[in-house]
All heavy atoms as atom14 arrays in JSON, in Angstrom:
{
  "sequence": "CTRAFLREAKLIRSTRIPRTIWVNRLVLSKGIEFLAS",
  "atom14_mask": [
    [1, 1, 1, 1, 1, 1, 0, 0, 0, 0, 0, 0, 0, 0],
    [1, 1, 1, 1, 1, 1, 1, 0, 0, 0, 0, 0, 0, 0],
    [1, 1, 1, 1, 1, 1, 1, 1, 1, 1, 1, 0, 0, 0],
    [1, 1, 1, 1, 1, 0, 0, 0, 0, 0, 0, 0, 0, 0],
    [1, 1, 1, 1, 1, 1, 1, 1, 1, 1, 1, 0, 0, 0],
    [1, 1, 1, 1, 1, 1, 1, 1, 0, 0, 0, 0, 0, 0],
    [1, 1, 1, 1, 1, 1, 1, 1, 1, 1, 1, 0, 0, 0],
    [1, 1, 1, 1, 1, 1, 1, 1, 1, 0, 0, 0, 0, 0],
    [1, 1, 1, 1, 1, 0, 0, 0, 0, 0, 0, 0, 0, 0],
    [1, 1, 1, 1, 1, 1, 1, 1, 1, 0, 0, 0, 0, 0],
    [1, 1, 1, 1, 1, 1, 1, 1, 0, 0, 0, 0, 0, 0],
    [1, 1, 1, 1, 1, 1, 1, 1, 0, 0, 0, 0, 0, 0],
    [1, 1, 1, 1, 1, 1, 1, 1, 1, 1, 1, 0, 0, 0],
    [1, 1, 1, 1, 1, 1, 0, 0, 0, 0, 0, 0, 0, 0],
    [1, 1, 1, 1, 1, 1, 1, 0, 0, 0, 0, 0, 0, 0],
    [1, 1, 1, 1, 1, 1, 1, 1, 1, 1, 1, 0, 0, 0],
    [1, 1, 1, 1, 1, 1, 1, 1, 0, 0, 0, 0, 0, 0],
    [1, 1, 1, 1, 1, 1, 1, 0, 0, 0, 0, 0, 0, 0],
    [1, 1, 1, 1, 1, 1, 1, 1, 1, 1, 1, 0, 0, 0],
    [1, 1, 1, 1, 1, 1, 1, 0, 0, 0, 0, 0, 0, 0],
    [1, 1, 1, 1, 1, 1, 1, 1, 0, 0, 0, 0, 0, 0],
    [1, 1, 1, 1, 1, 1, 1, 1, 1, 1, 1, 1, 1, 1],
    [1, 1, 1, 1, 1, 1, 1, 0, 0, 0, 0, 0, 0, 0],
    [1, 1, 1, 1, 1, 1, 1, 1, 0, 0, 0, 0, 0, 0],
    [1, 1, 1, 1, 1, 1, 1, 1, 1, 1, 1, 0, 0, 0],
    [1, 1, 1, 1, 1, 1, 1, 1, 0, 0, 0, 0, 0, 0],
    [1, 1, 1, 1, 1, 1, 1, 0, 0, 0, 0, 0, 0, 0],
    [1, 1, 1, 1, 1, 1, 1, 1, 0, 0, 0, 0, 0, 0],
    [1, 1, 1, 1, 1, 1, 0, 0, 0, 0, 0, 0, 0, 0],
    [1, 1, 1, 1, 1, 1, 1, 1, 1, 0, 0, 0, 0, 0],
    [1, 1, 1, 1, 0, 0, 0, 0, 0, 0, 0, 0, 0, 0],
    [1, 1, 1, 1, 1, 1, 1, 1, 0, 0, 0, 0, 0, 0],
    [1, 1, 1, 1, 1, 1, 1, 1, 1, 0, 0, 0, 0, 0],
    [1, 1, 1, 1, 1, 1, 1, 1, 1, 1, 1, 0, 0, 0],
    [1, 1, 1, 1, 1, 1, 1, 1, 0, 0, 0, 0, 0, 0],
    [1, 1, 1, 1, 1, 0, 0, 0, 0, 0, 0, 0, 0, 0],
    [1, 1, 1, 1, 1, 1, 0, 0, 0, 0, 0, 0, 0, 0]
  ],
  "atom14_positions": [
    [[0.8, -1.23, 0.02], [0.02, -0.02, -0.01], [0.84, 1.22, 0.03], [0.39, 2.29, -0.45], [-0.95, -0.01, 1.16], [-2.33, -1.05, 1.02], [0.0, 0.0, 0.0], [0.0, 0.0, 0.0], [0.0, 0.0, 0.0], [0.0, 0.0, 0.0], [0.0, 0.0, 0.0], [0.0, 0.0, 0.0], [0.0, 0.0, 0.0], [0.0, 0.0, 0.0]],
    [[2.09, 1.16, 0.47], [2.97, 2.36, 0.44], [3.31, 2.74, -1.01], [3.74, 3.91, -1.28], [4.25, 2.12, 1.21], [4.96, 1.0, 0.57], [4.03, 1.76, 2.65], [0.0, 0.0, 0.0], [0.0, 0.0, 0.0], [0.0, 0.0, 0.0], [0.0, 0.0, 0.0], [0.0, 0.0, 0.0], [0.0, 0.0, 0.0], [0.0, 0.0, 0.0]],
    [[3.11, 1.83, -1.92], [3.35, 2.16, -3.36], [2.12, 2.14, -4.22], [2.19, 2.02, -5.4], [4.46, 1.24, -3.86], [5.76, 1.23, -3.14], [6.74, 0.26, -3.78], [6.3, -1.19, -3.64], [6.55, -1.88, -2.51], [7.14, -1.38, -1.5], [6.11, -3.11, -2.44], [0.0, 0.0, 0.0], [0.0, 0.0, 0.0], [0.0, 0.0, 0.0]],
    [[0.93, 2.04, -3.55], [-0.35, 1.83, -4.3], [-0.53, 2.94, -5.37], [-1.06, 2.63, -6.39], [-1.46, 1.79, -3.26], [0.0, 0.0, 0.0], [0.0, 0.0, 0.0], [0.0, 0.0, 0.0], [0.0, 0.0, 0.0], [0.0, 0.0, 0.0], [0.0, 0.0, 0.0], [0.0, 0.0, 0.0], [0.0, 0.0, 0.0], [0.0, 0.0, 0.0]],
    [[-0.3, 4.19, -5.02], [-0.52, 5.22, -5.93], [0.67, 5.6, -6.77], [0.47, 6.09, -7.93], [-0.96, 6.47, -5.18], [-2.31, 6.42, -4.62], [-2.53, 6.69, -3.24], [-3.45, 6.04, -5.35], [-3.8, 6.6, -2.69], [-4.64, 5.99, -4.84], [-4.83, 6.26, -3.49], [0.0, 0.0, 0.0], [0.0, 0.0, 0.0], [0.0, 0.0, 0.0]],
    [[1.84, 5.3, -6.33], [3.02, 5.68, -7.13], [3.37, 4.73, -8.24], [3.93, 5.09, -9.25], [4.23, 5.74, -6.13], [4.05, 6.75, -4.98], [5.25, 6.63, -3.98], [3.91, 8.15, -5.5], [0.0, 0.0, 0.0], [0.0, 0.0, 0.0], [0.0, 0.0, 0.0], [0.0, 0.0, 0.0], [0.0, 0.0, 0.0], [0.0, 0.0, 0.0]],
    [[2.95, 3.44, -8.01], [3.34, 2.4, -8.98], [2.56, 2.55, -10.24], [3.03, 2.3, -11.4], [3.14, 1.05, -8.34], [3.53, -0.13, -9.25], [3.2, -1.45, -8.63], [3.97, -1.6, -7.41], [3.75, -2.57, -6.51], [2.83, -3.48, -6.71], [4.55, -2.7, -5.47], [0.0, 0.0, 0.0], [0.0, 0.0, 0.0], [0.0, 0.0, 0.0]],
    [[1.3, 2.97, -10.22], [0.4, 2.99, -11.41], [-0.31, 4.42, -11.48], [-1.47, 4.45, -11.66], [-0.62, 1.88, -11.39], [0.07, 0.53, -11.34], [-0.9, -0.64, -11.46], [-1.36, -1.1, -12.59], [-1.43, -1.13, -10.38], [0.0, 0.0, 0.0], [0.0, 0.0, 0.0], [0.0, 0.0, 0.0], [0.0, 0.0, 0.0], [0.0, 0.0, 0.0]],
    [[0.52, 5.4, -11.38], [-0.03, 6.77, -11.35], [-0.86, 7.13, -12.63], [-1.93, 7.68, -12.6], [1.11, 7.73, -11.21], [0.0, 0.0, 0.0], [0.0, 0.0, 0.0], [0.0, 0.0, 0.0], [0.0, 0.0, 0.0], [0.0, 0.0, 0.0], [0.0, 0.0, 0.0], [0.0, 0.0, 0.0], [0.0, 0.0, 0.0], [0.0, 0.0, 0.0]],
    [[-0.33, 6.76, -13.74], [-1.09, 7.05, -15.03], [-2.36, 6.43, -15.1], [-3.36, 7.06, -15.51], [-0.22, 6.68, -16.21], [1.06, 7.54, -16.4], [1.84, 7.15, -17.61], [3.1, 7.97, -17.86], [3.91, 7.56, -19.0], [0.0, 0.0, 0.0], [0.0, 0.0, 0.0], [0.0, 0.0, 0.0], [0.0, 0.0, 0.0], [0.0, 0.0, 0.0]],
    [[-2.46, 5.18, -14.82], [-3.69, 4.42, -14.8], [-4.64, 4.98, -13.83], [-5.92, 5.13, -14.06], [-3.48, 2.94, -14.52], [-4.62, 1.96, -14.69], [-5.27, 2.04, -16.08], [-4.26, 0.56, -14.32], [0.0, 0.0, 0.0], [0.0, 0.0, 0.0], [0.0, 0.0, 0.0], [0.0, 0.0, 0.0], [0.0, 0.0, 0.0], [0.0, 0.0, 0.0]],
    [[-4.27, 5.39, -12.62], [-5.13, 5.89, -11.62], [-5.75, 7.19, -12.03], [-6.86, 7.48, -11.83], [-4.32, 6.01, -10.27], [-3.89, 4.66, -9.66], [-5.13, 6.88, -9.24], [-2.97, 4.72, -8.57], [0.0, 0.0, 0.0], [0.0, 0.0, 0.0], [0.0, 0.0, 0.0], [0.0, 0.0, 0.0], [0.0, 0.0, 0.0], [0.0, 0.0, 0.0]],
    [[-4.89, 8.03, -12.68], [-5.39, 9.34, -13.14], [-6.43, 9.22, -14.23], [-7.31, 10.02, -14.46], [-4.18, 10.24, -13.62], [-3.35, 10.83, -12.47], [-2.52, 11.95, -12.91], [-1.7, 11.49, -14.07], [-0.44, 11.13, -13.97], [0.1, 11.09, -12.74], [0.27, 10.83, -15.02], [0.0, 0.0, 0.0], [0.0, 0.0, 0.0], [0.0, 0.0, 0.0]],
    [[-6.21, 8.22, -15.07], [-7.08, 8.08, -16.33], [-8.35, 7.3, -16.08], [-9.15, 7.21, -17.0], [-6.22, 7.37, -17.44], [-5.86, 6.08, -17.02], [0.0, 0.0, 0.0], [0.0, 0.0, 0.0], [0.0, 0.0, 0.0], [0.0, 0.0, 0.0], [0.0, 0.0, 0.0], [0.0, 0.0, 0.0], [0.0, 0.0, 0.0], [0.0, 0.0, 0.0]],
    [[-8.58, 6.73, -14.86], [-9.82, 5.93, -14.61], [-10.68, 6.74, -13.72], [-10.21, 7.57, -12.92], [-9.51, 4.62, -13.98], [-8.67, 4.84, -12.83], [-8.73, 3.74, -15.0], [0.0, 0.0, 0.0], [0.0, 0.0, 0.0], [0.0, 0.0, 0.0], [0.0, 0.0, 0.0], [0.0, 0.0, 0.0], [0.0, 0.0, 0.0], [0.0, 0.0, 0.0]],
    [[-11.99, 6.41, -13.73], [-13.02, 7.09, -12.98], [-13.54, 6.28, -11.8], [-14.39, 6.69, -11.11], [-14.13, 7.65, -13.84], [-13.59, 8.6, -14.97], [-14.8, 9.1, -15.7], [-15.78, 9.84, -14.9], [-16.96, 10.31, -15.32], [-17.3, 10.09, -16.64], [-17.76, 11.01, -14.59], [0.0, 0.0, 0.0], [0.0, 0.0, 0.0], [0.0, 0.0, 0.0]],
    [[-13.05, 5.06, -11.67], [-13.51, 4.19, -10.59], [-12.99, 4.79, -9.27], [-11.99, 5.44, -9.21], [-13.02, 2.74, -10.81], [-11.47, 2.65, -10.95], [-13.7, 2.12, -11.96], [-10.95, 1.25, -11.03], [0.0, 0.0, 0.0], [0.0, 0.0, 0.0], [0.0, 0.0, 0.0], [0.0, 0.0, 0.0], [0.0, 0.0, 0.0], [0.0, 0.0, 0.0]],
    [[-13.76, 4.53, -8.15], [-13.31, 5.03, -6.91], [-11.87, 4.62, -6.55], [-11.52, 3.47, -6.7], [-14.24, 4.28, -5.9], [-15.55, 4.09, -6.72], [-14.96, 3.74, -8.13], [0.0, 0.0, 0.0], [0.0, 0.0, 0.0], [0.0, 0.0, 0.0], [0.0, 0.0, 0.0], [0.0, 0.0, 0.0], [0.0, 0.0, 0.0], [0.0, 0.0, 0.0]],
    [[-11.1, 5.52, -6.09], [-9.69, 5.32, -5.92], [-9.35, 4.37, -4.73], [-8.29, 3.88, -4.69], [-8.86, 6.67, -5.71], [-8.39, 7.25, -6.99], [-9.51, 7.91, -7.79], [-9.08, 8.31, -9.09], [-9.74, 9.19, -9.79], [-10.92, 9.71, -9.45], [-9.29, 9.52, -11.11], [0.0, 0.0, 0.0], [0.0, 0.0, 0.0], [0.0, 0.0, 0.0]],
    [[-10.34, 4.18, -3.86], [-10.11, 3.23, -2.79], [-9.89, 1.72, -3.32], [-9.29, 0.96, -2.63], [-11.36, 3.15, -1.87], [-12.56, 2.81, -2.71], [-11.57, 4.45, -1.12], [0.0, 0.0, 0.0], [0.0, 0.0, 0.0], [0.0, 0.0, 0.0], [0.0, 0.0, 0.0], [0.0, 0.0, 0.0], [0.0, 0.0, 0.0], [0.0, 0.0, 0.0]],
    [[-10.19, 1.58, -4.58], [-10.07, 0.24, -5.13], [-8.54, -0.17, -5.26], [-8.19, -1.23, -5.26], [-10.79, 0.18, -6.5], [-11.13, -1.25, -6.84], [-9.92, 0.78, -7.59], [-12.07, -1.37, -8.05], [0.0, 0.0, 0.0], [0.0, 0.0, 0.0], [0.0, 0.0, 0.0], [0.0, 0.0, 0.0], [0.0, 0.0, 0.0], [0.0, 0.0, 0.0]],
    [[-7.7, 0.88, -5.34], [-6.3, 0.63, -5.61], [-5.63, 0.19, -4.29], [-4.58, -0.42, -4.31], [-5.57, 1.85, -6.11], [-6.17, 2.28, -7.41], [-7.07, 3.27, -7.66], [-5.89, 1.63, -8.71], [-7.44, 3.3, -8.99], [-6.72, 2.37, -9.63], [-5.1, 0.66, -9.08], [-6.72, 2.07, -10.99], [-5.15, 0.3, -10.47], [-5.92, 0.94, -11.38]],
    [[-6.28, 0.45, -3.17], [-5.83, -0.18, -1.93], [-6.55, -1.45, -1.62], [-5.88, -2.45, -1.24], [-6.13, 0.81, -0.72], [-5.92, 0.19, 0.59], [-5.31, 2.12, -0.86], [0.0, 0.0, 0.0], [0.0, 0.0, 0.0], [0.0, 0.0, 0.0], [0.0, 0.0, 0.0], [0.0, 0.0, 0.0], [0.0, 0.0, 0.0], [0.0, 0.0, 0.0]],
    [[-7.82, -1.54, -1.88], [-8.58, -2.73, -1.55], [-8.2, -3.89, -2.35], [-8.27, -5.01, -1.92], [-10.08, -2.45, -1.69], [-10.62, -1.55, -0.59], [-10.08, -1.46, 0.45], [-11.63, -0.79, -0.92], [0.0, 0.0, 0.0], [0.0, 0.0, 0.0], [0.0, 0.0, 0.0], [0.0, 0.0, 0.0], [0.0, 0.0, 0.0], [0.0, 0.0, 0.0]],
    [[-7.67, -3.66, -3.64], [-7.3, -4.83, -4.45], [-6.03, -5.47, -3.85], [-5.75, -6.65, -3.98], [-7.06, -4.34, -5.89], [-6.06, -3.15, -6.02], [-4.96, -3.49, -6.95], [-4.01, -2.34, -7.0], [-2.91, -2.4, -7.69], [-2.55, -3.45, -8.33], [-2.05, -1.38, -7.59], [0.0, 0.0, 0.0], [0.0, 0.0, 0.0], [0.0, 0.0, 0.0]],
    [[-5.16, -4.63, -3.14], [-3.95, -5.24, -2.55], [-4.32, -5.99, -1.37], [-3.8, -7.07, -1.1], [-3.02, -4.07, -2.17], [-2.47, -3.31, -3.31], [-1.68, -1.99, -2.82], [-1.57, -4.11, -4.21], [0.0, 0.0, 0.0], [0.0, 0.0, 0.0], [0.0, 0.0, 0.0], [0.0, 0.0, 0.0], [0.0, 0.0, 0.0], [0.0, 0.0, 0.0]],
    [[-5.28, -5.47, -0.55], [-5.8, -6.21, 0.59], [-6.44, -7.54, 0.14], [-6.17, -8.62, 0.77], [-6.81, -5.34, 1.37], [-7.38, -6.18, 2.58], [-6.21, -4.04, 1.91], [0.0, 0.0, 0.0], [0.0, 0.0, 0.0], [0.0, 0.0, 0.0], [0.0, 0.0, 0.0], [0.0, 0.0, 0.0], [0.0, 0.0, 0.0], [0.0, 0.0, 0.0]],
    [[-7.19, -7.51, -0.87], [-7.91, -8.74, -1.41], [-6.89, -9.7, -1.93], [-7.0, -10.9, -1.66], [-8.95, -8.31, -2.43], [-9.76, -9.53, -3.0], [-10.41, -10.29, -1.86], [-10.71, -9.05, -3.99], [0.0, 0.0, 0.0], [0.0, 0.0, 0.0], [0.0, 0.0, 0.0], [0.0, 0.0, 0.0], [0.0, 0.0, 0.0], [0.0, 0.0, 0.0]],
    [[-5.9, -9.3, -2.77], [-5.01, -10.26, -3.35], [-4.09, -10.88, -2.23], [-3.84, -12.13, -2.3], [-4.12, -9.51, -4.39], [-3.3, -8.55, -3.73], [0.0, 0.0, 0.0], [0.0, 0.0, 0.0], [0.0, 0.0, 0.0], [0.0, 0.0, 0.0], [0.0, 0.0, 0.0], [0.0, 0.0, 0.0], [0.0, 0.0, 0.0], [0.0, 0.0, 0.0]],
    [[-3.65, -10.15, -1.22], [-2.89, -10.73, -0.15], [-3.76, -11.69, 0.67], [-3.33, -12.68, 1.28], [-2.26, -9.69, 0.7], [-1.1, -8.95, 0.02], [0.01, -9.82, -0.31], [1.2, -9.1, -0.97], [2.37, -9.94, -1.21], [0.0, 0.0, 0.0], [0.0, 0.0, 0.0], [0.0, 0.0, 0.0], [0.0, 0.0, 0.0], [0.0, 0.0, 0.0]],
    [[-5.03, -11.26, 0.79], [-5.96, -12.17, 1.56], [-6.21, -13.46, 0.86], [-6.31, -14.49, 1.56], [0.0, 0.0, 0.0], [0.0, 0.0, 0.0], [0.0, 0.0, 0.0], [0.0, 0.0, 0.0], [0.0, 0.0, 0.0], [0.0, 0.0, 0.0], [0.0, 0.0, 0.0], [0.0, 0.0, 0.0], [0.0, 0.0, 0.0], [0.0, 0.0, 0.0]],
    [[-6.3, -13.39, -0.47], [-6.38, -14.7, -1.26], [-5.21, -15.54, -1.1], [-5.3, -16.79, -0.84], [-6.67, -14.38, -2.76], [-8.01, -13.77, -2.87], [-6.55, -15.64, -3.55], [-8.36, -13.31, -4.27], [0.0, 0.0, 0.0], [0.0, 0.0, 0.0], [0.0, 0.0, 0.0], [0.0, 0.0, 0.0], [0.0, 0.0, 0.0], [0.0, 0.0, 0.0]],
    [[-4.01, -14.9, -1.03], [-2.8, -15.66, -0.75], [-2.83, -16.35, 0.6], [-2.32, -17.46, 0.79], [-1.5, -14.82, -0.88], [-1.23, -14.4, -2.39], [-0.01, -13.59, -2.41], [0.57, -13.22, -1.35], [0.45, -13.28, -3.65], [0.0, 0.0, 0.0], [0.0, 0.0, 0.0], [0.0, 0.0, 0.0], [0.0, 0.0, 0.0], [0.0, 0.0, 0.0]],
    [[-3.35, -15.61, 1.62], [-3.43, -16.12, 2.93], [-4.41, -17.35, 2.93], [-4.06, -18.45, 3.53], [-4.0, -15.05, 3.88], [-4.47, -15.61, 5.16], [-3.65, -16.11, 6.12], [-5.88, -15.68, 5.46], [-4.14, -16.63, 7.37], [-6.31, -16.21, 6.61], [-5.47, -16.64, 7.58], [0.0, 0.0, 0.0], [0.0, 0.0, 0.0], [0.0, 0.0, 0.0]],
    [[-5.53, -17.24, 2.26], [-6.47, -18.42, 2.26], [-5.77, -19.58, 1.52], [-6.09, -20.71, 1.92], [-7.76, -17.97, 1.52], [-8.63, -16.95, 2.25], [-9.78, -16.56, 1.44], [-9.13, -17.46, 3.59], [0.0, 0.0, 0.0], [0.0, 0.0, 0.0], [0.0, 0.0, 0.0], [0.0, 0.0, 0.0], [0.0, 0.0, 0.0], [0.0, 0.0, 0.0]],
    [[-5.05, -19.27, 0.51], [-4.27, -20.42, -0.09], [-3.22, -21.1, 0.74], [-2.89, -22.18, 0.44], [-3.66, -19.86, -1.44], [0.0, 0.0, 0.0], [0.0, 0.0, 0.0], [0.0, 0.0, 0.0], [0.0, 0.0, 0.0], [0.0, 0.0, 0.0], [0.0, 0.0, 0.0], [0.0, 0.0, 0.0], [0.0, 0.0, 0.0], [0.0, 0.0, 0.0]],
    [[-2.82, -20.41, 1.77], [-1.79, -21.01, 2.67], [-2.4, -21.71, 3.89], [-1.7, -22.43, 4.57], [-0.85, -19.89, 3.16], [-1.59, -18.99, 4.05], [0.0, 0.0, 0.0], [0.0, 0.0, 0.0], [0.0, 0.0, 0.0], [0.0, 0.0, 0.0], [0.0, 0.0, 0.0], [0.0, 0.0, 0.0], [0.0, 0.0, 0.0], [0.0, 0.0, 0.0]]
  ]
}
């Protein structure tokens, strides 16, 4: 999450979806990895 906005700045600026999604997708992907473990 410390790089959530810096890593994909162009894509974030060009989309209109709520920006919280760029944090929540990291929480979800790591959560799926946890469930897989």
